[in-house]
């Protein structure tokens, strides 16, 4: 009878904690980021960052969360959490300004994906055009989406896509009588607008 196959022993809590420092240093050096630059981005002092990397400071959630955002990796990657074998993203809907937003990725930075359920516009909706950092890529799954982008006005239907630099003043709303479903990608870097839909012929509202 063959001997039973030996299974790897999972790391202890102490071993996981001890491995955090070297992993943080490896991530920083891989990105060619100095401790001073990382301190500015995260708000964590240079001395604390240095002690974290050397293992002299115990990692806490308050310290690891801003580092995960800075390195654009899931928190599990910083602590070397064991794989669960479940590749699914467990969806947790959130409410934002009357819209249902469902995160589709677990990343804390970089390009992130969401599904949005946008209800019909209530009467008197504020259509003020706004700007912010980054870029947006939108794909209409169902319903109708209205995009005001600078001086342009677009109606988007199912299967249509739009991508634009969010430094361009814009407003997004639902022009139908039913909920509009949209797949969204949000990125941290601004890009030149690439509108892939014909402008709608409409009279000013």
Protein backbone atom coordinates (compact mmCIF):
# COMPACT_ATOMS: atom_id res chain seq x y z
CA UNK A 1 0.00 0.00 0.00
CA UNK A 2 1.35 3.36 -0.97
CA UNK A 3 2.00 5.83 1.81
CA UNK A 4 -0.60 8.64 1.96
CA UNK A 5 0.45 11.77 0.11
CA UNK A 6 1.84 14.40 2.47
CA UNK A 7 -0.12 17.62 2.49
CA UNK A 8 1.59 20.98 3.02
CA UNK A 9 1.16 22.38 6.49
CA UNK A 10 -0.61 25.76 6.47
CA UNK A 11 1.49 28.60 7.86
CA UNK A 12 0.90 29.69 11.42
CA UNK A 13 -0.34 33.17 12.28
CA UNK A 14 3.15 34.14 13.43
CA UNK A 15 4.66 32.99 10.14
CA UNK A 16 2.08 34.96 8.14
CA UNK A 17 2.79 38.12 10.16
CA UNK A 18 6.57 37.65 9.85
CA UNK A 19 6.26 37.41 6.05
CA UNK A 20 4.41 40.73 5.70
CA UNK A 21 7.52 42.93 6.05
CA UNK A 22 9.58 41.25 3.31
CA UNK A 23 6.52 41.23 1.04
CA UNK A 24 6.00 44.98 1.56
CA UNK A 25 9.65 45.69 0.77
CA UNK A 26 9.48 43.51 -2.35
CA UNK A 27 6.37 45.32 -3.60
CA UNK A 28 7.93 48.75 -3.02
CA UNK A 29 11.25 47.87 -4.66
CA UNK A 30 9.48 46.20 -7.59
CA UNK A 31 7.67 49.49 -8.24
CA UNK A 32 10.85 51.53 -7.69
CA UNK A 33 9.12 53.65 -5.03
CA UNK A 34 11.08 55.33 -2.24
CA UNK A 35 9.97 55.26 1.38
CA UNK A 36 9.58 59.04 1.24
CA UNK A 37 7.28 58.90 -1.80
CA UNK A 38 5.25 56.08 -0.24
CA UNK A 39 4.91 58.09 2.98
CA UNK A 40 3.44 61.02 1.04
CA UNK A 41 0.96 58.77 -0.79
CA UNK A 42 -0.22 56.80 2.24
CA UNK A 43 0.14 59.30 5.08
CA UNK A 44 2.27 56.79 6.99
CA UNK A 45 5.59 58.09 8.32
CA UNK A 46 8.87 56.95 6.78
CA UNK A 47 10.01 55.50 10.11
CA UNK A 48 6.82 53.43 10.46
CA UNK A 49 7.11 52.14 6.90
CA UNK A 50 10.74 51.20 7.50
CA UNK A 51 9.86 49.36 10.72
CA UNK A 52 7.02 47.53 8.95
CA UNK A 53 9.37 46.29 6.24
CA UNK A 54 12.03 45.21 8.74
CA UNK A 55 9.50 43.41 10.95
CA UNK A 56 10.04 45.76 13.90
CA UNK A 57 6.46 47.06 13.65
CA UNK A 58 3.49 44.71 13.75
CA UNK A 59 1.18 45.22 10.73
CA UNK A 60 -2.33 46.43 11.51
CA UNK A 61 -5.39 46.93 9.33
CA UNK A 62 -5.03 50.72 9.61
CA UNK A 63 -1.52 50.47 8.14
CA UNK A 64 -2.17 47.78 5.53
CA UNK A 65 -5.29 49.31 3.93
CA UNK A 66 -3.55 52.47 2.62
CA UNK A 67 -0.62 50.34 1.46
CA UNK A 68 -2.96 48.03 -0.45
CA UNK A 69 -4.48 51.09 -2.15
CA UNK A 70 -1.04 52.50 -2.96
CA UNK A 71 0.19 49.22 -4.45
CA UNK A 72 -3.20 48.56 -6.12
CA UNK A 73 -3.42 45.00 -4.81
CA UNK A 74 -6.00 43.17 -2.68
CA UNK A 75 -5.32 43.17 1.05
CA UNK A 76 -4.90 39.38 0.90
CA UNK A 77 -1.82 39.87 -1.29
CA UNK A 78 -0.09 41.89 1.43
CA UNK A 79 -0.60 39.32 4.15
CA UNK A 80 -0.17 36.24 1.96
CA UNK A 81 -3.57 34.86 2.86
CA UNK A 82 -3.99 31.22 1.79
CA UNK A 83 -6.05 30.56 -1.33
CA UNK A 84 -9.60 29.43 -0.60
CA UNK A 85 -10.04 27.67 -3.94
CA UNK A 86 -13.10 29.82 -4.66
CA UNK A 87 -12.42 32.15 -7.62
CA UNK A 88 -15.86 33.77 -7.53
CA UNK A 89 -16.36 37.43 -6.69
CA UNK A 90 -19.05 37.60 -4.04
CA UNK A 91 -21.27 40.49 -5.07
CA UNK A 92 -22.47 42.97 -2.47
CA UNK A 93 -24.76 45.68 -3.87
CA UNK A 94 -24.33 49.22 -2.57
CA UNK A 95 -26.56 52.29 -2.78
CA UNK A 96 -25.12 55.49 -4.25
CA UNK A 97 -27.42 58.45 -4.85
CA UNK A 98 -30.46 56.31 -5.61
CA UNK A 99 -28.49 53.95 -7.84
CA UNK A 100 -27.59 50.34 -7.07
CA UNK A 101 -23.86 49.72 -7.65
CA UNK A 102 -22.54 46.14 -7.66
CA UNK A 103 -18.72 45.81 -7.47
CA UNK A 104 -17.48 43.09 -9.84
CA UNK A 105 -13.83 43.07 -8.78
CA UNK A 106 -12.06 42.80 -5.44
CA UNK A 107 -9.23 45.19 -6.32
CA UNK A 108 -8.71 48.21 -4.10
CA UNK A 109 -7.04 50.27 -6.85
CA UNK A 110 -6.36 50.40 -10.55
CA UNK A 111 -9.12 49.67 -13.05
CA UNK A 112 -12.26 48.49 -11.29
CA UNK A 113 -15.50 47.14 -12.71
CA UNK A 114 -19.07 47.66 -11.55
CA UNK A 115 -22.61 46.98 -12.65
CA UNK A 116 -24.95 49.91 -12.15
CA UNK A 117 -28.74 49.87 -11.99
CA UNK A 118 -29.88 53.40 -12.80
CA UNK A 119 -33.55 54.25 -12.15
CA UNK A 120 -35.54 56.61 -14.43
CA UNK A 121 -34.79 60.30 -13.89
CA UNK A 122 -37.11 61.96 -11.38
CA UNK A 123 -38.61 65.27 -12.42
CA UNK A 124 -36.27 68.19 -11.74
CA UNK A 125 -33.09 66.07 -11.81
CA UNK A 126 -29.92 68.13 -11.40
CA UNK A 127 -27.98 67.76 -14.67
CA UNK A 128 -24.96 69.79 -13.64
CA UNK A 129 -21.87 68.59 -15.51
CA UNK A 130 -19.04 67.54 -13.21
CA UNK A 131 -15.40 66.49 -13.52
CA UNK A 132 -13.10 64.21 -11.53
CA UNK A 133 -9.87 62.24 -11.86
CA UNK A 134 -9.70 59.14 -14.04
CA UNK A 135 -11.61 57.75 -17.00
CA UNK A 136 -14.84 55.82 -17.49
CA UNK A 137 -15.83 53.05 -19.87
CA UNK A 138 -19.57 52.30 -20.02
CA UNK A 139 -21.44 49.48 -21.78
CA UNK A 140 -25.24 49.61 -21.80
CA UNK A 141 -26.74 46.20 -21.01
CA UNK A 142 -30.39 47.26 -21.11
CA UNK A 143 -32.49 50.42 -21.14
CA UNK A 144 -31.39 53.85 -22.33
CA UNK A 145 -28.54 55.95 -21.03
CA UNK A 146 -28.13 59.67 -21.63
CA UNK A 147 -24.64 61.16 -21.54
CA UNK A 148 -23.94 64.87 -21.52
CA UNK A 149 -20.23 65.17 -22.35
CA UNK A 150 -18.93 68.71 -22.65
CA UNK A 151 -21.09 70.35 -25.30
CA UNK A 152 -22.24 67.01 -26.75
CA UNK A 153 -25.40 65.04 -25.97
CA UNK A 154 -25.62 61.26 -26.53
CA UNK A 155 -28.35 58.63 -26.26
CA UNK A 156 -26.91 55.15 -25.70
CA UNK A 157 -28.91 51.94 -26.12
CA UNK A 158 -28.20 48.27 -25.39
CA UNK A 159 -24.84 47.15 -26.79
CA UNK A 160 -23.44 50.66 -27.19
CA UNK A 161 -20.19 51.67 -25.56
CA UNK A 162 -18.67 54.99 -24.55
CA UNK A 163 -15.25 55.79 -23.10
CA UNK A 164 -14.14 59.24 -21.99
CA UNK A 165 -11.71 61.22 -19.89
CA UNK A 166 -13.53 62.26 -16.72
CA UNK A 167 -11.71 65.60 -16.72
CA UNK A 168 -14.29 66.42 -19.43
CA UNK A 169 -17.43 67.84 -17.75
CA UNK A 170 -20.13 65.17 -17.89
CA UNK A 171 -23.47 63.94 -16.57
CA UNK A 172 -24.98 60.45 -16.88
CA UNK A 173 -28.67 59.59 -16.46
CA UNK A 174 -31.50 57.28 -17.48
CA UNK A 175 -33.76 58.47 -20.33
CA UNK A 176 -36.17 55.52 -20.29
CA UNK A 177 -39.15 54.58 -18.11
CA UNK A 178 -37.41 51.46 -16.84
CA UNK A 179 -34.25 50.73 -14.90
CA UNK A 180 -31.12 50.94 -17.06
CA UNK A 181 -28.35 48.40 -16.51
CA UNK A 182 -24.80 49.50 -17.26
CA UNK A 183 -21.43 47.74 -17.05
CA UNK A 184 -18.78 50.24 -15.91
CA UNK A 185 -14.99 50.28 -15.80
CA UNK A 186 -13.36 53.03 -13.75
CA UNK A 187 -9.65 53.78 -13.97
CA UNK A 188 -7.34 56.15 -12.07
CA UNK A 189 -5.62 57.69 -15.10
CA UNK A 190 -7.19 60.26 -17.41
CA UNK A 191 -7.30 59.38 -21.11
CA UNK A 192 -8.40 61.15 -24.26
CA UNK A 193 -12.13 60.76 -24.91
CA UNK A 194 -13.19 58.10 -27.41
CA UNK A 195 -16.94 58.36 -27.91
CA UNK A 196 -18.35 55.39 -29.80
CA UNK A 197 -21.91 56.48 -30.40
CA UNK A 198 -23.57 58.96 -32.73
CA UNK A 199 -24.80 62.18 -31.12
CA UNK A 200 -28.56 62.23 -30.68
CA UNK A 201 -30.57 64.77 -32.65
CA UNK A 202 -32.60 66.56 -30.02
CA UNK A 203 -33.92 69.92 -29.10
CA UNK A 204 -32.36 71.52 -25.98
CA UNK A 205 -34.16 70.51 -22.79
